Amino acid sequence: MLKCKDESYYIGHTDDIEKRIAEHNDGSIKCYTQSRLPVKVVYTKDFATRDEALIAERQIKGWSRMKKEALIREDWDMIKKLSNQ
């Protein structure tokens, strides 16, 4: 998960985090982040397969800002509480 200059979050997946962040920050990736540079990494998680990473990406993209920030803090109790709303 990336935090953009405008304080918004961008969720994505990659096999090479360092390369991908450099591509975002040099503007070579034409996507949401391009007009919100620079970006910084605020949360990462490794997955066994690309499919698992894509499933998690789609799930987290649907979360509220509060729930994403709880994930960044690894506040599992808050994530659970926000899931029950």
Protein backbone atom coordinates (compact mmCIF):
# COMPACT_ATOMS: atom_id res chain seq x y z
CA MET A 1 0.00 0.00 0.00
CA LEU A 2 1.31 3.40 -0.97
CA LYS A 3 0.50 6.76 0.53
CA CYS A 4 0.38 9.52 -2.05
CA LYS A 5 1.34 13.17 -1.69
CA ASP A 6 -2.37 14.07 -1.41
CA GLU A 7 -2.70 11.65 1.56
CA SER A 8 -4.74 9.12 -0.45
CA TYR A 9 -3.83 5.44 -0.58
CA TYR A 10 -2.99 3.30 -3.59
CA ILE A 11 -3.23 -0.49 -3.41
CA GLY A 12 -1.36 -2.70 -5.85
CA HIS A 13 0.76 -5.81 -6.16
CA THR A 14 4.20 -6.49 -7.60
CA ASP A 15 7.01 -9.01 -7.65
CA ASP A 16 9.65 -6.30 -7.12
CA ILE A 17 8.63 -3.58 -4.66
CA GLU A 18 11.76 -1.43 -5.01
CA LYS A 19 11.51 -1.34 -8.81
CA ARG A 20 7.78 -0.63 -8.71
CA ILE A 21 8.14 2.27 -6.25
CA ALA A 22 10.89 3.79 -8.40
CA GLU A 23 8.62 3.49 -11.45
CA HIS A 24 5.75 5.19 -9.61
CA ASN A 25 7.95 8.00 -8.33
CA ASP A 26 9.62 8.71 -11.67
CA GLY A 27 6.18 8.93 -13.29
CA SER A 28 6.71 6.10 -15.75
CA ILE A 29 3.57 4.30 -14.57
CA LYS A 30 0.47 5.92 -16.03
CA CYS A 31 -2.03 5.35 -13.24
CA TYR A 32 -3.70 6.88 -10.19
CA THR A 33 -0.39 7.85 -8.58
CA GLN A 34 0.97 9.82 -11.54
CA SER A 35 -0.58 13.13 -10.41
CA ARG A 36 -0.05 12.37 -6.70
CA LEU A 37 3.73 12.04 -6.47
CA PRO A 38 5.79 11.30 -4.56
CA VAL A 39 4.47 8.10 -3.04
CA LYS A 40 5.83 6.14 -0.12
CA VAL A 41 5.31 2.56 1.01
CA VAL A 42 3.20 2.32 4.16
CA TYR A 43 2.33 -1.40 4.18
CA THR A 44 3.50 -4.56 2.45
CA LYS A 45 2.63 -8.22 2.76
CA ASP A 46 4.14 -11.22 1.00
CA PHE A 47 1.89 -13.81 -0.61
CA ALA A 48 2.67 -17.30 -1.83
CA THR A 49 1.09 -16.70 -5.25
CA ARG A 50 0.17 -13.79 -7.51
CA ASP A 51 -3.46 -14.92 -7.35
CA GLU A 52 -3.47 -14.57 -3.55
CA ALA A 53 -1.95 -11.10 -3.86
CA LEU A 54 -4.58 -10.05 -6.41
CA ILE A 55 -7.41 -11.31 -4.19
CA ALA A 56 -6.05 -9.35 -1.23
CA GLU A 57 -5.57 -6.24 -3.40
CA ARG A 58 -9.18 -6.33 -4.56
CA GLN A 59 -10.42 -6.86 -1.01
CA ILE A 60 -8.39 -4.02 0.51
CA LYS A 61 -9.35 -1.62 -2.29
CA GLY A 62 -12.94 -1.96 -1.07
CA TRP A 63 -12.09 -1.06 2.52
CA SER A 64 -12.77 2.26 4.18
CA ARG A 65 -9.90 4.64 4.89
CA MET A 66 -10.19 3.84 8.61
CA LYS A 67 -9.82 0.13 7.94
CA LYS A 68 -6.82 0.67 5.64
CA GLU A 69 -5.16 2.77 8.34
CA ALA A 70 -5.86 0.04 10.92
CA LEU A 71 -4.11 -2.40 8.56
CA ILE A 72 -1.11 -0.08 8.29
CA ARG A 73 -0.94 -0.03 12.11
CA GLU A 74 -1.58 -3.80 12.16
CA ASP A 75 -4.44 -3.11 14.58
CA TRP A 76 -6.24 -6.43 14.15
CA ASP A 77 -8.85 -5.63 16.80
CA MET A 78 -9.88 -2.47 14.97
CA ILE A 79 -9.96 -4.28 11.62
CA LYS A 80 -12.28 -6.86 13.17
CA LYS A 81 -14.46 -4.13 14.69
CA LEU A 82 -14.69 -2.26 11.39
CA SER A 83 -15.56 -5.51 9.61
CA ASN A 84 -18.62 -5.95 11.79
CA GLN A 85 -20.17 -2.62 10.80
